Amino acid sequence: MHSHTRALIAAATFAFITGRKVAGLYDHTAKQDLLIAAEFRGKQLQGFDGDRGVKFGGTLPELHDDGDQTFVSFESDGSTVKGYDRGSSGFYEAQVTDGLVQVYDHGAAAWFAYDVQDAESASSYHRGTAESR
């Protein structure tokens, strides 16, 4: 799975599970901030990947990545999201814990962690600064 697809999944998962807007992510694996935003309204996700300059979103249970022209299935069982990335033919799971989103990429057989930037304060994260990095 592409790293930008995992970031899209992390942003969508946080917005869906918490009902809060995403203003950016910090990718712990790449050790960098990502320009990505997401918001859920009802069953509709609106998102923008500023690093790639493309929109993503759609109506659940399908999300569309306009950059890769592919779909990602997105289904929740409460606190966990699971799905399938048609672009890489890979499964994933994602969960939110205290402002940290963890995405398990079955193809890579690894977990990836993202801190979520708070849309209400462009420079802070949902977790405390000392905890998050």
C-alpha atoms as a PDB file:
ATOM      1  CA  MET A   1       0.000   0.000   0.000  1.00  0.00           C
ATOM      2  CA  HIS A   2       1.270   3.484  -0.802  1.00  0.00           C
ATOM      3  CA  SER A   3       2.233   5.668   2.163  1.00  0.00           C
ATOM      4  CA  HIS A   4      -0.198   8.364   0.942  1.00  0.00           C
ATOM      5  CA  THR A   5      -3.018   5.791   0.975  1.00  0.00           C
ATOM      6  CA  ARG A   6      -2.231   4.917   4.617  1.00  0.00           C
ATOM      7  CA  ALA A   7      -2.305   8.658   5.437  1.00  0.00           C
ATOM      8  CA  LEU A   8      -5.665   9.042   3.690  1.00  0.00           C
ATOM      9  CA  ILE A   9      -6.988   6.094   5.718  1.00  0.00           C
ATOM     10  CA  ALA A  10      -5.616   7.571   8.965  1.00  0.00           C
ATOM     11  CA  ALA A  11      -7.251  10.961   8.324  1.00  0.00           C
ATOM     12  CA  ALA A  12     -10.574   9.389   7.326  1.00  0.00           C
ATOM     13  CA  THR A  13     -10.533   7.060  10.338  1.00  0.00           C
ATOM     14  CA  PHE A  14      -9.948   9.883  12.812  1.00  0.00           C
ATOM     15  CA  ALA A  15     -12.642  12.083  11.273  1.00  0.00           C
ATOM     16  CA  PHE A  16     -15.138   9.213  11.222  1.00  0.00           C
ATOM     17  CA  ILE A  17     -14.481   7.758  14.688  1.00  0.00           C
ATOM     18  CA  THR A  18     -14.239  11.078  16.568  1.00  0.00           C
ATOM     19  CA  GLY A  19     -16.486  13.310  14.462  1.00  0.00           C
ATOM     20  CA  ARG A  20     -13.721  15.931  14.471  1.00  0.00           C
ATOM     21  CA  LYS A  21     -11.969  17.623  11.564  1.00  0.00           C
ATOM     22  CA  VAL A  22      -8.415  16.720  10.599  1.00  0.00           C
ATOM     23  CA  ALA A  23      -6.105  19.623   9.704  1.00  0.00           C
ATOM     24  CA  GLY A  24      -2.923  17.598   9.197  1.00  0.00           C
ATOM     25  CA  LEU A  25      -1.027  14.490  10.247  1.00  0.00           C
ATOM     26  CA  TYR A  26       2.373  13.720  11.661  1.00  0.00           C
ATOM     27  CA  ASP A  27       3.679  10.491  10.152  1.00  0.00           C
ATOM     28  CA  HIS A  28       5.868   8.775  12.767  1.00  0.00           C
ATOM     29  CA  THR A  29       7.426   6.396  10.223  1.00  0.00           C
ATOM     30  CA  ALA A  30       8.490   9.161   7.800  1.00  0.00           C
ATOM     31  CA  LYS A  31       9.070  11.593  10.687  1.00  0.00           C
ATOM     32  CA  GLN A  32       7.302  14.408   8.856  1.00  0.00           C
ATOM     33  CA  ASP A  33       4.177  16.529   8.859  1.00  0.00           C
ATOM     34  CA  LEU A  34       1.666  15.785   6.121  1.00  0.00           C
ATOM     35  CA  LEU A  35      -0.655  18.343   4.553  1.00  0.00           C
ATOM     36  CA  ILE A  36      -3.892  16.393   4.686  1.00  0.00           C
ATOM     37  CA  ALA A  37      -7.384  17.382   5.770  1.00  0.00           C
ATOM     38  CA  ALA A  38     -10.578  15.393   6.270  1.00  0.00           C
ATOM     39  CA  GLU A  39     -14.091  15.860   7.568  1.00  0.00           C
ATOM     40  CA  PHE A  40     -17.115  13.566   7.842  1.00  0.00           C
ATOM     41  CA  ARG A  41     -20.680  14.793   7.486  1.00  0.00           C
ATOM     42  CA  GLY A  42     -23.231  12.032   7.803  1.00  0.00           C
ATOM     43  CA  LYS A  43     -21.926   9.242   5.578  1.00  0.00           C
ATOM     44  CA  GLN A  44     -19.949  11.601   3.333  1.00  0.00           C
ATOM     45  CA  LEU A  45     -16.188  12.195   3.667  1.00  0.00           C
ATOM     46  CA  GLN A  46     -14.500  15.231   2.182  1.00  0.00           C
ATOM     47  CA  GLY A  47     -10.717  15.232   2.148  1.00  0.00           C
ATOM     48  CA  PHE A  48      -7.749  16.909   0.514  1.00  0.00           C
ATOM     49  CA  ASP A  49      -4.172  15.669   0.268  1.00  0.00           C
ATOM     50  CA  GLY A  50      -2.173  18.894  -0.018  1.00  0.00           C
ATOM     51  CA  ASP A  51       1.130  17.103  -0.551  1.00  0.00           C
ATOM     52  CA  ARG A  52      -0.236  15.526  -3.748  1.00  0.00           C
ATOM     53  CA  GLY A  53      -2.737  18.297  -4.566  1.00  0.00           C
ATOM     54  CA  VAL A  54      -5.698  15.902  -4.887  1.00  0.00           C
ATOM     55  CA  LYS A  55      -9.114  15.340  -3.344  1.00  0.00           C
ATOM     56  CA  PHE A  56     -10.322  12.132  -1.743  1.00  0.00           C
ATOM     57  CA  GLY A  57     -13.617  11.111  -0.232  1.00  0.00           C
ATOM     58  CA  GLY A  58     -17.032   9.793  -1.031  1.00  0.00           C
ATOM     59  CA  THR A  59     -20.004   8.084   0.508  1.00  0.00           C
ATOM     60  CA  LEU A  60     -19.382   5.126   2.812  1.00  0.00           C
ATOM     61  CA  PRO A  61     -18.529   2.332   2.454  1.00  0.00           C
ATOM     62  CA  GLU A  62     -16.356   3.505  -0.489  1.00  0.00           C
ATOM     63  CA  LEU A  63     -13.770   6.283  -0.575  1.00  0.00           C
ATOM     64  CA  HIS A  64     -12.224   7.470  -3.839  1.00  0.00           C
ATOM     65  CA  ASP A  65      -8.650   8.726  -4.202  1.00  0.00           C
ATOM     66  CA  ASP A  66      -8.718  11.175  -7.129  1.00  0.00           C
ATOM     67  CA  GLY A  67      -4.925  11.073  -7.433  1.00  0.00           C
ATOM     68  CA  ASP A  68      -4.587   7.315  -7.918  1.00  0.00           C
ATOM     69  CA  GLN A  69      -8.075   6.977  -9.462  1.00  0.00           C
ATOM     70  CA  THR A  70      -8.824   4.072  -7.147  1.00  0.00           C
ATOM     71  CA  PHE A  71     -11.270   3.114  -4.406  1.00  0.00           C
ATOM     72  CA  VAL A  72     -10.716   2.107  -0.787  1.00  0.00           C
ATOM     73  CA  SER A  73     -13.451   0.292   1.105  1.00  0.00           C
ATOM     74  CA  PHE A  74     -14.099   1.716   4.569  1.00  0.00           C
ATOM     75  CA  GLU A  75     -16.229  -0.122   7.134  1.00  0.00           C
ATOM     76  CA  SER A  76     -16.448   0.477  10.869  1.00  0.00           C
ATOM     77  CA  ASP A  77     -17.385  -1.860  13.686  1.00  0.00           C
ATOM     78  CA  GLY A  78     -17.349   0.859  16.340  1.00  0.00           C
ATOM     79  CA  SER A  79     -13.824   1.814  17.349  1.00  0.00           C
ATOM     80  CA  THR A  80     -12.026   0.063  14.492  1.00  0.00           C
ATOM     81  CA  VAL A  81     -12.125   0.603  10.740  1.00  0.00           C
ATOM     82  CA  LYS A  82     -11.319  -2.170   8.281  1.00  0.00           C
ATOM     83  CA  GLY A  83     -11.142  -2.230   4.532  1.00  0.00           C
ATOM     84  CA  TYR A  84      -9.498  -3.022   1.253  1.00  0.00           C
ATOM     85  CA  ASP A  85      -7.333  -0.816  -0.948  1.00  0.00           C
ATOM     86  CA  ARG A  86      -8.133  -1.706  -4.540  1.00  0.00           C
ATOM     87  CA  GLY A  87      -5.037   0.156  -5.778  1.00  0.00           C
ATOM     88  CA  SER A  88      -2.596  -2.168  -3.997  1.00  0.00           C
ATOM     89  CA  SER A  89      -4.964  -5.121  -3.553  1.00  0.00           C
ATOM     90  CA  GLY A  90      -4.298  -4.967   0.178  1.00  0.00           C
ATOM     91  CA  PHE A  91      -6.298  -5.099   3.383  1.00  0.00           C
ATOM     92  CA  TYR A  92      -5.924  -2.724   6.326  1.00  0.00           C
ATOM     93  CA  GLU A  93      -7.207  -2.045   9.834  1.00  0.00           C
ATOM     94  CA  ALA A  94      -7.154   1.298  11.664  1.00  0.00           C
ATOM     95  CA  GLN A  95      -7.912   2.454  15.194  1.00  0.00           C
ATOM     96  CA  VAL A  96      -7.865   5.715  17.153  1.00  0.00           C
ATOM     97  CA  THR A  97      -6.454   6.021  20.658  1.00  0.00           C
ATOM     98  CA  ASP A  98      -6.113   9.428  22.356  1.00  0.00           C
ATOM     99  CA  GLY A  99      -5.496  11.395  19.143  1.00  0.00           C
ATOM    100  CA  LEU A 100      -3.151   8.787  17.680  1.00  0.00           C
ATOM    101  CA  VAL A 101      -4.268   6.791  14.656  1.00  0.00           C
ATOM    102  CA  GLN A 102      -2.644   3.431  14.032  1.00  0.00           C
ATOM    103  CA  VAL A 103      -3.004   1.774  10.634  1.00  0.00           C
ATOM    104  CA  TYR A 104      -2.098  -1.870  10.127  1.00  0.00           C
ATOM    105  CA  ASP A 105      -1.151  -2.547   6.509  1.00  0.00           C
ATOM    106  CA  HIS A 106      -1.549  -6.292   5.930  1.00  0.00           C
ATOM    107  CA  GLY A 107       0.586  -6.148   2.770  1.00  0.00           C
ATOM    108  CA  ALA A 108       3.522  -4.622   4.664  1.00  0.00           C
ATOM    109  CA  ALA A 109       2.699  -6.668   7.799  1.00  0.00           C
ATOM    110  CA  ALA A 110       3.354  -3.560   9.884  1.00  0.00           C
ATOM    111  CA  TRP A 111       1.696  -0.848  11.989  1.00  0.00           C
ATOM    112  CA  PHE A 112       1.999   2.855  11.048  1.00  0.00           C
ATOM    113  CA  ALA A 113       1.255   5.653  13.542  1.00  0.00           C
ATOM    114  CA  TYR A 114      -0.046   9.176  12.903  1.00  0.00           C
ATOM    115  CA  ASP A 115      -0.687  12.084  15.234  1.00  0.00           C
ATOM    116  CA  VAL A 116      -3.650  14.186  14.126  1.00  0.00           C
ATOM    117  CA  GLN A 117      -3.455  17.958  13.923  1.00  0.00           C
ATOM    118  CA  ASP A 118      -6.377  19.741  15.558  1.00  0.00           C
ATOM    119  CA  ALA A 119      -8.357  21.852  13.064  1.00  0.00           C
ATOM    120  CA  GLU A 120      -9.217  24.358  15.809  1.00  0.00           C
ATOM    121  CA  SER A 121      -5.561  25.134  16.482  1.00  0.00           C
ATOM    122  CA  ALA A 122      -3.332  24.917  13.407  1.00  0.00           C
ATOM    123  CA  SER A 123      -0.178  24.253  15.418  1.00  0.00           C
ATOM    124  CA  SER A 124      -1.317  21.696  17.987  1.00  0.00           C
ATOM    125  CA  TYR A 125      -2.107  18.013  17.960  1.00  0.00           C
ATOM    126  CA  HIS A 126      -4.927  16.178  19.698  1.00  0.00           C
ATOM    127  CA  ARG A 127      -2.369  14.469  21.927  1.00  0.00           C
ATOM    128  CA  GLY A 128      -0.002  16.487  24.078  1.00  0.00           C
ATOM    129  CA  THR A 129       3.225  17.618  22.390  1.00  0.00           C
ATOM    130  CA  ALA A 130       5.426  15.714  24.838  1.00  0.00           C
ATOM    131  CA  GLU A 131       3.494  12.503  24.189  1.00  0.00           C
ATOM    132  CA  SER A 132       3.264  12.781  20.431  1.00  0.00           C
ATOM    133  CA  ARG A 133       6.883  12.941  19.283  1.00  0.00           C
END
